C-alpha cells in the first residue's frame, strides 16, 4: 500500500507496428550475478 512510483504516458497515438525500431543494445542486456554462500561460517563471501 505504500506507493513509491508514478509513471504516466498521455496523448498516445497509433503508429504502424512495422515502424518500431529494435533497441540499440549492442550484444544484448548486461546484468551482474551475485549469490551469497550458505552457512554462517561463510557470511559475507559470495557463492557466485
ModelCIF file with pLDDT and N, C-alpha, C, O atoms, coordinates in Angstrom:
data_MODEL
#
_entry.id   MODEL 
#
_entity.id                         1 
_entity.type                       polymer 
_entity.pdbx_number_of_molecules   1 
#
_entity_poly.entity_id                      1 
_entity_poly.type                           'polypeptide(L)' 
_entity_poly.nstd_linkage                   no 
_entity_poly.nstd_monomer                   no 
_entity_poly.pdbx_seq_one_letter_code       
;(UNK)(UNK)(UNK)(UNK)(UNK)(UNK)(UNK)(UNK)(UNK)(UNK)(UNK)(UNK)(UNK)(UNK)(UNK)(UNK)
(UNK)(UNK)(UNK)(UNK)(UNK)(UNK)(UNK)(UNK)(UNK)(UNK)(UNK)(UNK)(UNK)(UNK)(UNK)(UNK)
(UNK)(UNK)(UNK)(UNK)(UNK)(UNK)(UNK)(UNK)(UNK)(UNK)(UNK)(UNK)(UNK)(UNK)(UNK)(UNK)
;
_entity_poly.pdbx_seq_one_letter_code_can   XXXXXXXXXXXXXXXXXXXXXXXXXXXXXXXXXXXXXXXXXXXXXXXX 
_entity_poly.pdbx_strand_id                 A 
#
loop_
_entity_poly_seq.entity_id 
_entity_poly_seq.num 
_entity_poly_seq.mon_id 
_entity_poly_seq.hetero 
1 1  UNK n 
1 2  UNK n 
1 3  UNK n 
1 4  UNK n 
1 5  UNK n 
1 6  UNK n 
1 7  UNK n 
1 8  UNK n 
1 9  UNK n 
1 10 UNK n 
1 11 UNK n 
1 12 UNK n 
1 13 UNK n 
1 14 UNK n 
1 15 UNK n 
1 16 UNK n 
1 17 UNK n 
1 18 UNK n 
1 19 UNK n 
1 20 UNK n 
1 21 UNK n 
1 22 UNK n 
1 23 UNK n 
1 24 UNK n 
1 25 UNK n 
1 26 UNK n 
1 27 UNK n 
1 28 UNK n 
1 29 UNK n 
1 30 UNK n 
1 31 UNK n 
1 32 UNK n 
1 33 UNK n 
1 34 UNK n 
1 35 UNK n 
1 36 UNK n 
1 37 UNK n 
1 38 UNK n 
1 39 UNK n 
1 40 UNK n 
1 41 UNK n 
1 42 UNK n 
1 43 UNK n 
1 44 UNK n 
1 45 UNK n 
1 46 UNK n 
1 47 UNK n 
1 48 UNK n 
#
_struct_asym.id          A 
_struct_asym.entity_id   1 
#
loop_
_ma_qa_metric.id 
_ma_qa_metric.mode 
_ma_qa_metric.name 
_ma_qa_metric.software_group_id 
_ma_qa_metric.type 
1 global pLDDT . pLDDT 
2 local  pLDDT . pLDDT 
#
_ma_qa_metric_global.metric_id      1 
_ma_qa_metric_global.metric_value   85.94 
_ma_qa_metric_global.model_id       1 
_ma_qa_metric_global.ordinal_id     1 
#
loop_
_ma_qa_metric_local.label_asym_id 
_ma_qa_metric_local.label_comp_id 
_ma_qa_metric_local.label_seq_id 
_ma_qa_metric_local.metric_id 
_ma_qa_metric_local.metric_value 
_ma_qa_metric_local.model_id 
_ma_qa_metric_local.ordinal_id 
A UNK 1  2 97.00 1 1  
A UNK 2  2 98.00 1 2  
A UNK 3  2 98.00 1 3  
A UNK 4  2 98.00 1 4  
A UNK 5  2 98.00 1 5  
A UNK 6  2 98.00 1 6  
A UNK 7  2 98.00 1 7  
A UNK 8  2 98.00 1 8  
A UNK 9  2 98.00 1 9  
A UNK 10 2 98.00 1 10 
A UNK 11 2 97.00 1 11 
A UNK 12 2 97.00 1 12 
A UNK 13 2 96.00 1 13 
A UNK 14 2 95.00 1 14 
A UNK 15 2 94.00 1 15 
A UNK 16 2 93.00 1 16 
A UNK 17 2 89.00 1 17 
A UNK 18 2 83.00 1 18 
A UNK 19 2 79.00 1 19 
A UNK 20 2 71.00 1 20 
A UNK 21 2 68.00 1 21 
A UNK 22 2 60.00 1 22 
A UNK 23 2 57.00 1 23 
A UNK 24 2 56.00 1 24 
A UNK 25 2 57.00 1 25 
A UNK 26 2 66.00 1 26 
A UNK 27 2 77.00 1 27 
A UNK 28 2 91.00 1 28 
A UNK 29 2 95.00 1 29 
A UNK 30 2 97.00 1 30 
A UNK 31 2 96.00 1 31 
A UNK 32 2 97.00 1 32 
A UNK 33 2 95.00 1 33 
A UNK 34 2 93.00 1 34 
A UNK 35 2 89.00 1 35 
A UNK 36 2 86.00 1 36 
A UNK 37 2 86.00 1 37 
A UNK 38 2 82.00 1 38 
A UNK 39 2 82.00 1 39 
A UNK 40 2 75.00 1 40 
A UNK 41 2 75.00 1 41 
A UNK 42 2 75.00 1 42 
A UNK 43 2 73.00 1 43 
A UNK 44 2 73.00 1 44 
A UNK 45 2 84.00 1 45 
A UNK 46 2 89.00 1 46 
A UNK 47 2 88.00 1 47 
A UNK 48 2 90.00 1 48 
#
loop_
_atom_site.group_PDB 
_atom_site.id 
_atom_site.type_symbol 
_atom_site.label_atom_id 
_atom_site.label_alt_id 
_atom_site.label_comp_id 
_atom_site.label_asym_id 
_atom_site.label_entity_id 
_atom_site.label_seq_id 
_atom_site.pdbx_PDB_ins_code 
_atom_site.Cartn_x 
_atom_site.Cartn_y 
_atom_site.Cartn_z 
_atom_site.occupancy 
_atom_site.B_iso_or_equiv 
_atom_site.pdbx_formal_charge 
_atom_site.auth_seq_id 
_atom_site.auth_comp_id 
_atom_site.auth_asym_id 
_atom_site.auth_atom_id 
_atom_site.pdbx_PDB_model_num 
ATOM 1   N N  . UNK A 1 1  ? 0.783  -1.235  0.000   1.00 97.00 ? 1  UNK A N  1 
ATOM 2   C CA . UNK A 1 1  ? 0.000  0.000   0.000   1.00 97.00 ? 1  UNK A CA 1 
ATOM 3   C C  . UNK A 1 1  ? 0.811  1.278   0.000   1.00 97.00 ? 1  UNK A C  1 
ATOM 4   O O  . UNK A 1 1  ? 0.249  2.356   -0.198  1.00 97.00 ? 1  UNK A O  1 
ATOM 5   N N  . UNK A 1 2  ? 2.119  1.194   0.217   1.00 98.00 ? 2  UNK A N  1 
ATOM 6   C CA . UNK A 1 2  ? 2.979  2.385   0.194   1.00 98.00 ? 2  UNK A CA 1 
ATOM 7   C C  . UNK A 1 2  ? 3.417  2.643   -1.247  1.00 98.00 ? 2  UNK A C  1 
ATOM 8   O O  . UNK A 1 2  ? 4.256  1.917   -1.781  1.00 98.00 ? 2  UNK A O  1 
ATOM 9   N N  . UNK A 1 3  ? 2.857  3.664   -1.870  1.00 98.00 ? 3  UNK A N  1 
ATOM 10  C CA . UNK A 1 3  ? 3.111  3.938   -3.290  1.00 98.00 ? 3  UNK A CA 1 
ATOM 11  C C  . UNK A 1 3  ? 4.406  4.729   -3.441  1.00 98.00 ? 3  UNK A C  1 
ATOM 12  O O  . UNK A 1 3  ? 4.544  5.819   -2.885  1.00 98.00 ? 3  UNK A O  1 
ATOM 13  N N  . UNK A 1 4  ? 5.357  4.173   -4.198  1.00 98.00 ? 4  UNK A N  1 
ATOM 14  C CA . UNK A 1 4  ? 6.636  4.855   -4.380  1.00 98.00 ? 4  UNK A CA 1 
ATOM 15  C C  . UNK A 1 4  ? 6.879  5.340   -5.803  1.00 98.00 ? 4  UNK A C  1 
ATOM 16  O O  . UNK A 1 4  ? 7.787  6.141   -6.023  1.00 98.00 ? 4  UNK A O  1 
ATOM 17  N N  . UNK A 1 5  ? 6.087  4.874   -6.788  1.00 98.00 ? 5  UNK A N  1 
ATOM 18  C CA . UNK A 1 5  ? 6.337  5.283   -8.165  1.00 98.00 ? 5  UNK A CA 1 
ATOM 19  C C  . UNK A 1 5  ? 5.071  5.621   -8.932  1.00 98.00 ? 5  UNK A C  1 
ATOM 20  O O  . UNK A 1 5  ? 4.044  4.957   -8.787  1.00 98.00 ? 5  UNK A O  1 
ATOM 21  N N  . UNK A 1 6  ? 5.157  6.662   -9.748  1.00 98.00 ? 6  UNK A N  1 
ATOM 22  C CA . UNK A 1 6  ? 4.055  7.073   -10.630 1.00 98.00 ? 6  UNK A CA 1 
ATOM 23  C C  . UNK A 1 6  ? 4.633  7.261   -12.025 1.00 98.00 ? 6  UNK A C  1 
ATOM 24  O O  . UNK A 1 6  ? 5.611  7.989   -12.195 1.00 98.00 ? 6  UNK A O  1 
ATOM 25  N N  . UNK A 1 7  ? 4.044  6.616   -13.020 1.00 98.00 ? 7  UNK A N  1 
ATOM 26  C CA . UNK A 1 7  ? 4.513  6.690   -14.407 1.00 98.00 ? 7  UNK A CA 1 
ATOM 27  C C  . UNK A 1 7  ? 3.316  6.994   -15.295 1.00 98.00 ? 7  UNK A C  1 
ATOM 28  O O  . UNK A 1 7  ? 2.294  6.310   -15.231 1.00 98.00 ? 7  UNK A O  1 
ATOM 29  N N  . UNK A 1 8  ? 3.449  8.030   -16.129 1.00 98.00 ? 8  UNK A N  1 
ATOM 30  C CA . UNK A 1 8  ? 2.314  8.490   -16.928 1.00 98.00 ? 8  UNK A CA 1 
ATOM 31  C C  . UNK A 1 8  ? 2.726  8.652   -18.386 1.00 98.00 ? 8  UNK A C  1 
ATOM 32  O O  . UNK A 1 8  ? 3.722  9.308   -18.687 1.00 98.00 ? 8  UNK A O  1 
ATOM 33  N N  . UNK A 1 9  ? 1.948  8.044   -19.295 1.00 98.00 ? 9  UNK A N  1 
ATOM 34  C CA . UNK A 1 9  ? 2.091  8.258   -20.728 1.00 98.00 ? 9  UNK A CA 1 
ATOM 35  C C  . UNK A 1 9  ? 0.742  8.741   -21.238 1.00 98.00 ? 9  UNK A C  1 
ATOM 36  O O  . UNK A 1 9  ? -0.251 8.020   -21.147 1.00 98.00 ? 9  UNK A O  1 
ATOM 37  N N  . UNK A 1 10 ? 0.701  9.946   -21.770 1.00 98.00 ? 10 UNK A N  1 
ATOM 38  C CA . UNK A 1 10 ? -0.558 10.541  -22.221 1.00 98.00 ? 10 UNK A CA 1 
ATOM 39  C C  . UNK A 1 10 ? -0.425 10.985  -23.667 1.00 98.00 ? 10 UNK A C  1 
ATOM 40  O O  . UNK A 1 10 ? 0.679  11.192  -24.170 1.00 98.00 ? 10 UNK A O  1 
ATOM 41  N N  . UNK A 1 11 ? -1.570 11.129  -24.329 1.00 97.00 ? 11 UNK A N  1 
ATOM 42  C CA . UNK A 1 11 ? -1.557 11.544  -25.723 1.00 97.00 ? 11 UNK A CA 1 
ATOM 43  C C  . UNK A 1 11 ? -0.968 10.507  -26.650 1.00 97.00 ? 11 UNK A C  1 
ATOM 44  O O  . UNK A 1 11 ? -0.329 10.858  -27.642 1.00 97.00 ? 11 UNK A O  1 
ATOM 45  N N  . UNK A 1 12 ? -1.171 9.225   -26.345 1.00 97.00 ? 12 UNK A N  1 
ATOM 46  C CA . UNK A 1 12 ? -0.640 8.156   -27.185 1.00 97.00 ? 12 UNK A CA 1 
ATOM 47  C C  . UNK A 1 12 ? -1.306 8.165   -28.561 1.00 97.00 ? 12 UNK A C  1 
ATOM 48  O O  . UNK A 1 12 ? -2.520 8.335   -28.674 1.00 97.00 ? 12 UNK A O  1 
ATOM 49  N N  . UNK A 1 13 ? -0.507 7.984   -29.584 1.00 96.00 ? 13 UNK A N  1 
ATOM 50  C CA . UNK A 1 13 ? -1.015 7.967   -30.956 1.00 96.00 ? 13 UNK A CA 1 
ATOM 51  C C  . UNK A 1 13 ? -0.622 6.659   -31.639 1.00 96.00 ? 13 UNK A C  1 
ATOM 52  O O  . UNK A 1 13 ? 0.495  6.168   -31.479 1.00 96.00 ? 13 UNK A O  1 
ATOM 53  N N  . UNK A 1 14 ? -1.553 6.115   -32.393 1.00 95.00 ? 14 UNK A N  1 
ATOM 54  C CA . UNK A 1 14 ? -1.318 4.848   -33.078 1.00 95.00 ? 14 UNK A CA 1 
ATOM 55  C C  . UNK A 1 14 ? -0.263 5.015   -34.175 1.00 95.00 ? 14 UNK A C  1 
ATOM 56  O O  . UNK A 1 14 ? -0.249 6.005   -34.907 1.00 95.00 ? 14 UNK A O  1 
ATOM 57  N N  . UNK A 1 15 ? 0.616  4.021   -34.264 1.00 94.00 ? 15 UNK A N  1 
ATOM 58  C CA . UNK A 1 15 ? 1.651  4.002   -35.298 1.00 94.00 ? 15 UNK A CA 1 
ATOM 59  C C  . UNK A 1 15 ? 1.622  2.641   -35.986 1.00 94.00 ? 15 UNK A C  1 
ATOM 60  O O  . UNK A 1 15 ? 1.064  1.674   -35.468 1.00 94.00 ? 15 UNK A O  1 
ATOM 61  N N  . UNK A 1 16 ? 2.234  2.593   -37.163 1.00 93.00 ? 16 UNK A N  1 
ATOM 62  C CA . UNK A 1 16 ? 2.376  1.324   -37.864 1.00 93.00 ? 16 UNK A CA 1 
ATOM 63  C C  . UNK A 1 16 ? 3.350  0.442   -37.085 1.00 93.00 ? 16 UNK A C  1 
ATOM 64  O O  . UNK A 1 16 ? 4.507  0.827   -36.913 1.00 93.00 ? 16 UNK A O  1 
ATOM 65  N N  . UNK A 1 17 ? 2.916  -0.742  -36.601 1.00 89.00 ? 17 UNK A N  1 
ATOM 66  C CA . UNK A 1 17 ? 3.825  -1.600  -35.809 1.00 89.00 ? 17 UNK A CA 1 
ATOM 67  C C  . UNK A 1 17 ? 5.120  -1.934  -36.527 1.00 89.00 ? 17 UNK A C  1 
ATOM 68  O O  . UNK A 1 17 ? 6.129  -2.217  -35.881 1.00 89.00 ? 17 UNK A O  1 
ATOM 69  N N  . UNK A 1 18 ? 5.109  -1.907  -37.836 1.00 83.00 ? 18 UNK A N  1 
ATOM 70  C CA . UNK A 1 18 ? 6.318  -2.253  -38.580 1.00 83.00 ? 18 UNK A CA 1 
ATOM 71  C C  . UNK A 1 18 ? 7.388  -1.176  -38.470 1.00 83.00 ? 18 UNK A C  1 
ATOM 72  O O  . UNK A 1 18 ? 8.544  -1.415  -38.821 1.00 83.00 ? 18 UNK A O  1 
ATOM 73  N N  . UNK A 1 19 ? 7.013  0.023   -37.978 1.00 79.00 ? 19 UNK A N  1 
ATOM 74  C CA . UNK A 1 19 ? 7.991  1.111   -37.836 1.00 79.00 ? 19 UNK A CA 1 
ATOM 75  C C  . UNK A 1 19 ? 8.707  1.068   -36.506 1.00 79.00 ? 19 UNK A C  1 
ATOM 76  O O  . UNK A 1 19 ? 9.577  1.899   -36.249 1.00 79.00 ? 19 UNK A O  1 
ATOM 77  N N  . UNK A 1 20 ? 8.364  0.124   -35.659 1.00 71.00 ? 20 UNK A N  1 
ATOM 78  C CA . UNK A 1 20 ? 9.001  0.049   -34.338 1.00 71.00 ? 20 UNK A CA 1 
ATOM 79  C C  . UNK A 1 20 ? 10.443 -0.428  -34.481 1.00 71.00 ? 20 UNK A C  1 
ATOM 80  O O  . UNK A 1 20 ? 10.679 -1.600  -34.777 1.00 71.00 ? 20 UNK A O  1 
ATOM 81  N N  . UNK A 1 21 ? 11.426 0.482   -34.272 1.00 68.00 ? 21 UNK A N  1 
ATOM 82  C CA . UNK A 1 21 ? 12.827 0.073   -34.465 1.00 68.00 ? 21 UNK A CA 1 
ATOM 83  C C  . UNK A 1 21 ? 13.306 -0.773  -33.295 1.00 68.00 ? 21 UNK A C  1 
ATOM 84  O O  . UNK A 1 21 ? 12.913 -0.526  -32.155 1.00 68.00 ? 21 UNK A O  1 
ATOM 85  N N  . UNK A 1 22 ? 14.142 -1.760  -33.558 1.00 60.00 ? 22 UNK A N  1 
ATOM 86  C CA . UNK A 1 22 ? 14.707 -2.539  -32.443 1.00 60.00 ? 22 UNK A CA 1 
ATOM 87  C C  . UNK A 1 22 ? 15.642 -1.668  -31.623 1.00 60.00 ? 22 UNK A C  1 
ATOM 88  O O  . UNK A 1 22 ? 16.310 -0.799  -32.184 1.00 60.00 ? 22 UNK A O  1 
ATOM 89  N N  . UNK A 1 23 ? 15.712 -1.873  -30.315 1.00 57.00 ? 23 UNK A N  1 
ATOM 90  C CA . UNK A 1 23 ? 16.603 -1.050  -29.482 1.00 57.00 ? 23 UNK A CA 1 
ATOM 91  C C  . UNK A 1 23 ? 18.057 -1.309  -29.814 1.00 57.00 ? 23 UNK A C  1 
ATOM 92  O O  . UNK A 1 23 ? 18.442 -2.429  -30.151 1.00 57.00 ? 23 UNK A O  1 
ATOM 93  N N  . UNK A 1 24 ? 18.866 -0.254  -29.716 1.00 56.00 ? 24 UNK A N  1 
ATOM 94  C CA . UNK A 1 24 ? 20.303 -0.378  -29.956 1.00 56.00 ? 24 UNK A CA 1 
ATOM 95  C C  . UNK A 1 24 ? 20.968 -0.839  -28.663 1.00 56.00 ? 24 UNK A C  1 
ATOM 96  O O  . UNK A 1 24 ? 21.374 -0.016  -27.842 1.00 56.00 ? 24 UNK A O  1 
ATOM 97  N N  . UNK A 1 25 ? 21.079 -2.139  -28.486 1.00 57.00 ? 25 UNK A N  1 
ATOM 98  C CA . UNK A 1 25 ? 21.548 -2.686  -27.211 1.00 57.00 ? 25 UNK A CA 1 
ATOM 99  C C  . UNK A 1 25 ? 22.896 -3.381  -27.343 1.00 57.00 ? 25 UNK A C  1 
ATOM 100 O O  . UNK A 1 25 ? 23.306 -4.082  -26.418 1.00 57.00 ? 25 UNK A O  1 
ATOM 101 N N  . UNK A 1 26 ? 23.594 -3.213  -28.451 1.00 66.00 ? 26 UNK A N  1 
ATOM 102 C CA . UNK A 1 26 ? 24.858 -3.919  -28.616 1.00 66.00 ? 26 UNK A CA 1 
ATOM 103 C C  . UNK A 1 26 ? 24.593 -5.406  -28.719 1.00 66.00 ? 26 UNK A C  1 
ATOM 104 O O  . UNK A 1 26 ? 23.792 -5.831  -29.551 1.00 66.00 ? 26 UNK A O  1 
ATOM 105 N N  . UNK A 1 27 ? 25.243 -6.204  -27.898 1.00 77.00 ? 27 UNK A N  1 
ATOM 106 C CA . UNK A 1 27 ? 25.070 -7.646  -27.943 1.00 77.00 ? 27 UNK A CA 1 
ATOM 107 C C  . UNK A 1 27 ? 23.908 -8.128  -27.085 1.00 77.00 ? 27 UNK A C  1 
ATOM 108 O O  . UNK A 1 27 ? 23.567 -9.310  -27.118 1.00 77.00 ? 27 UNK A O  1 
ATOM 109 N N  . UNK A 1 28 ? 23.293 -7.227  -26.315 1.00 91.00 ? 28 UNK A N  1 
ATOM 110 C CA . UNK A 1 28 ? 22.158 -7.648  -25.504 1.00 91.00 ? 28 UNK A CA 1 
ATOM 111 C C  . UNK A 1 28 ? 22.077 -6.911  -24.193 1.00 91.00 ? 28 UNK A C  1 
ATOM 112 O O  . UNK A 1 28 ? 22.532 -5.774  -24.072 1.00 91.00 ? 28 UNK A O  1 
ATOM 113 N N  . UNK A 1 29 ? 21.484 -7.580  -23.195 1.00 95.00 ? 29 UNK A N  1 
ATOM 114 C CA . UNK A 1 29 ? 21.317 -6.996  -21.865 1.00 95.00 ? 29 UNK A CA 1 
ATOM 115 C C  . UNK A 1 29 ? 22.461 -7.448  -20.969 1.00 95.00 ? 29 UNK A C  1 
ATOM 116 O O  . UNK A 1 29 ? 22.775 -8.636  -20.897 1.00 95.00 ? 29 UNK A O  1 
ATOM 117 N N  . UNK A 1 30 ? 23.082 -6.488  -20.286 1.00 97.00 ? 30 UNK A N  1 
ATOM 118 C CA . UNK A 1 30 ? 24.148 -6.779  -19.341 1.00 97.00 ? 30 UNK A CA 1 
ATOM 119 C C  . UNK A 1 30 ? 23.576 -6.814  -17.928 1.00 97.00 ? 30 UNK A C  1 
ATOM 120 O O  . UNK A 1 30 ? 22.914 -5.868  -17.500 1.00 97.00 ? 30 UNK A O  1 
ATOM 121 N N  . UNK A 1 31 ? 23.830 -7.904  -17.201 1.00 96.00 ? 31 UNK A N  1 
ATOM 122 C CA . UNK A 1 31 ? 23.414 -7.990  -15.808 1.00 96.00 ? 31 UNK A CA 1 
ATOM 123 C C  . UNK A 1 31 ? 24.590 -8.526  -15.002 1.00 96.00 ? 31 UNK A C  1 
ATOM 124 O O  . UNK A 1 31 ? 25.621 -8.885  -15.569 1.00 96.00 ? 31 UNK A O  1 
ATOM 125 N N  . UNK A 1 32 ? 24.439 -8.581  -13.698 1.00 97.00 ? 32 UNK A N  1 
ATOM 126 C CA . UNK A 1 32 ? 25.532 -8.993  -12.840 1.00 97.00 ? 32 UNK A CA 1 
ATOM 127 C C  . UNK A 1 32 ? 25.012 -9.961  -11.786 1.00 97.00 ? 32 UNK A C  1 
ATOM 128 O O  . UNK A 1 32 ? 24.150 -9.619  -10.977 1.00 97.00 ? 32 UNK A O  1 
ATOM 129 N N  . UNK A 1 33 ? 25.550 -11.164 -11.812 1.00 95.00 ? 33 UNK A N  1 
ATOM 130 C CA . UNK A 1 33 ? 25.103 -12.207 -10.876 1.00 95.00 ? 33 UNK A CA 1 
ATOM 131 C C  . UNK A 1 33 ? 25.895 -12.129 -9.581  1.00 95.00 ? 33 UNK A C  1 
ATOM 132 O O  . UNK A 1 33 ? 27.122 -12.023 -9.591  1.00 95.00 ? 33 UNK A O  1 
ATOM 133 N N  . UNK A 1 34 ? 25.179 -12.183 -8.469  1.00 93.00 ? 34 UNK A N  1 
ATOM 134 C CA . UNK A 1 34 ? 25.809 -12.249 -7.153  1.00 93.00 ? 34 UNK A CA 1 
ATOM 135 C C  . UNK A 1 34 ? 24.941 -13.112 -6.256  1.00 93.00 ? 34 UNK A C  1 
ATOM 136 O O  . UNK A 1 34 ? 23.762 -12.824 -6.051  1.00 93.00 ? 34 UNK A O  1 
ATOM 137 N N  . UNK A 1 35 ? 25.536 -14.179 -5.721  1.00 89.00 ? 35 UNK A N  1 
ATOM 138 C CA . UNK A 1 35 ? 24.818 -15.080 -4.824  1.00 89.00 ? 35 UNK A CA 1 
ATOM 139 C C  . UNK A 1 35 ? 25.676 -15.345 -3.596  1.00 89.00 ? 35 UNK A C  1 
ATOM 140 O O  . UNK A 1 35 ? 26.851 -15.683 -3.737  1.00 89.00 ? 35 UNK A O  1 
ATOM 141 N N  . UNK A 1 36 ? 25.119 -15.202 -2.391  1.00 86.00 ? 36 UNK A N  1 
ATOM 142 C CA . UNK A 1 36 ? 25.898 -15.447 -1.179  1.00 86.00 ? 36 UNK A CA 1 
ATOM 143 C C  . UNK A 1 36 ? 26.049 -16.941 -0.903  1.00 86.00 ? 36 UNK A C  1 
ATOM 144 O O  . UNK A 1 36 ? 25.224 -17.750 -1.327  1.00 86.00 ? 36 UNK A O  1 
ATOM 145 N N  . UNK A 1 37 ? 27.101 -17.287 -0.194  1.00 86.00 ? 37 UNK A N  1 
ATOM 146 C CA . UNK A 1 37 ? 27.265 -18.670 0.239   1.00 86.00 ? 37 UNK A CA 1 
ATOM 147 C C  . UNK A 1 37 ? 26.289 -18.987 1.371   1.00 86.00 ? 37 UNK A C  1 
ATOM 148 O O  . UNK A 1 37 ? 25.824 -18.094 2.079   1.00 86.00 ? 37 UNK A O  1 
ATOM 149 N N  . UNK A 1 38 ? 25.999 -20.249 1.521   1.00 82.00 ? 38 UNK A N  1 
ATOM 150 C CA . UNK A 1 38 ? 25.089 -20.705 2.570   1.00 82.00 ? 38 UNK A CA 1 
ATOM 151 C C  . UNK A 1 38 ? 25.899 -21.055 3.816   1.00 82.00 ? 38 UNK A C  1 
ATOM 152 O O  . UNK A 1 38 ? 26.965 -21.666 3.729   1.00 82.00 ? 38 UNK A O  1 
ATOM 153 N N  . UNK A 1 39 ? 25.384 -20.665 4.958   1.00 82.00 ? 39 UNK A N  1 
ATOM 154 C CA . UNK A 1 39 ? 26.032 -21.012 6.212   1.00 82.00 ? 39 UNK A CA 1 
ATOM 155 C C  . UNK A 1 39 ? 26.664 -19.808 6.877   1.00 82.00 ? 39 UNK A C  1 
ATOM 156 O O  . UNK A 1 39 ? 27.273 -18.970 6.213   1.00 82.00 ? 39 UNK A O  1 
ATOM 157 N N  . UNK A 1 40 ? 26.518 -19.723 8.191   1.00 75.00 ? 40 UNK A N  1 
ATOM 158 C CA . UNK A 1 40 ? 27.014 -18.572 8.917   1.00 75.00 ? 40 UNK A CA 1 
ATOM 159 C C  . UNK A 1 40 ? 28.535 -18.447 8.818   1.00 75.00 ? 40 UNK A C  1 
ATOM 160 O O  . UNK A 1 40 ? 29.070 -17.340 8.871   1.00 75.00 ? 40 UNK A O  1 
ATOM 161 N N  . UNK A 1 41 ? 29.223 -19.565 8.677   1.00 75.00 ? 41 UNK A N  1 
ATOM 162 C CA . UNK A 1 41 ? 30.681 -19.518 8.603   1.00 75.00 ? 41 UNK A CA 1 
ATOM 163 C C  . UNK A 1 41 ? 31.167 -18.795 7.349   1.00 75.00 ? 41 UNK A C  1 
ATOM 164 O O  . UNK A 1 41 ? 32.297 -18.310 7.302   1.00 75.00 ? 41 UNK A O  1 
ATOM 165 N N  . UNK A 1 42 ? 30.292 -18.727 6.319   1.00 75.00 ? 42 UNK A N  1 
ATOM 166 C CA . UNK A 1 42 ? 30.692 -18.110 5.053   1.00 75.00 ? 42 UNK A CA 1 
ATOM 167 C C  . UNK A 1 42 ? 30.001 -16.770 4.823   1.00 75.00 ? 42 UNK A C  1 
ATOM 168 O O  . UNK A 1 42 ? 30.066 -16.221 3.723   1.00 75.00 ? 42 UNK A O  1 
ATOM 169 N N  . UNK A 1 43 ? 29.347 -16.246 5.841   1.00 73.00 ? 43 UNK A N  1 
ATOM 170 C CA . UNK A 1 43 ? 28.592 -14.995 5.654   1.00 73.00 ? 43 UNK A CA 1 
ATOM 171 C C  . UNK A 1 43 ? 29.517 -13.875 5.167   1.00 73.00 ? 43 UNK A C  1 
ATOM 172 O O  . UNK A 1 43 ? 30.614 -13.682 5.691   1.00 73.00 ? 43 UNK A O  1 
ATOM 173 N N  . UNK A 1 44 ? 29.050 -13.147 4.159   1.00 73.00 ? 44 UNK A N  1 
ATOM 174 C CA . UNK A 1 44 ? 29.835 -12.068 3.588   1.00 73.00 ? 44 UNK A CA 1 
ATOM 175 C C  . UNK A 1 44 ? 30.689 -12.480 2.412   1.00 73.00 ? 44 UNK A C  1 
ATOM 176 O O  . UNK A 1 44 ? 31.304 -11.630 1.767   1.00 73.00 ? 44 UNK A O  1 
ATOM 177 N N  . UNK A 1 45 ? 30.741 -13.794 2.116   1.00 84.00 ? 45 UNK A N  1 
ATOM 178 C CA . UNK A 1 45 ? 31.524 -14.275 0.985   1.00 84.00 ? 45 UNK A CA 1 
ATOM 179 C C  . UNK A 1 45 ? 30.574 -14.742 -0.119  1.00 84.00 ? 45 UNK A C  1 
ATOM 180 O O  . UNK A 1 45 ? 29.569 -15.394 0.162   1.00 84.00 ? 45 UNK A O  1 
ATOM 181 N N  . UNK A 1 46 ? 30.891 -14.408 -1.385  1.00 89.00 ? 46 UNK A N  1 
ATOM 182 C CA . UNK A 1 46 ? 29.980 -14.788 -2.470  1.00 89.00 ? 46 UNK A CA 1 
ATOM 183 C C  . UNK A 1 46 ? 30.108 -16.254 -2.850  1.00 89.00 ? 46 UNK A C  1 
ATOM 184 O O  . UNK A 1 46 ? 31.202 -16.818 -2.877  1.00 89.00 ? 46 UNK A O  1 
ATOM 185 N N  . UNK A 1 47 ? 28.972 -16.848 -3.139  1.00 88.00 ? 47 UNK A N  1 
ATOM 186 C CA . UNK A 1 47 ? 28.961 -18.187 -3.718  1.00 88.00 ? 47 UNK A CA 1 
ATOM 187 C C  . UNK A 1 47 ? 29.267 -18.096 -5.214  1.00 88.00 ? 47 UNK A C  1 
ATOM 188 O O  . UNK A 1 47 ? 29.968 -18.929 -5.789  1.00 88.00 ? 47 UNK A O  1 
ATOM 189 N N  . UNK A 1 48 ? 28.706 -17.044 -5.815  1.00 90.00 ? 48 UNK A N  1 
ATOM 190 C CA . UNK A 1 48 ? 28.912 -16.819 -7.250  1.00 90.00 ? 48 UNK A CA 1 
ATOM 191 C C  . UNK A 1 48 ? 28.896 -15.325 -7.505  1.00 90.00 ? 48 UNK A C  1 
ATOM 192 O O  . UNK A 1 48 ? 29.050 -14.892 -8.646  1.00 90.00 ? 48 UNK A O  1 
#
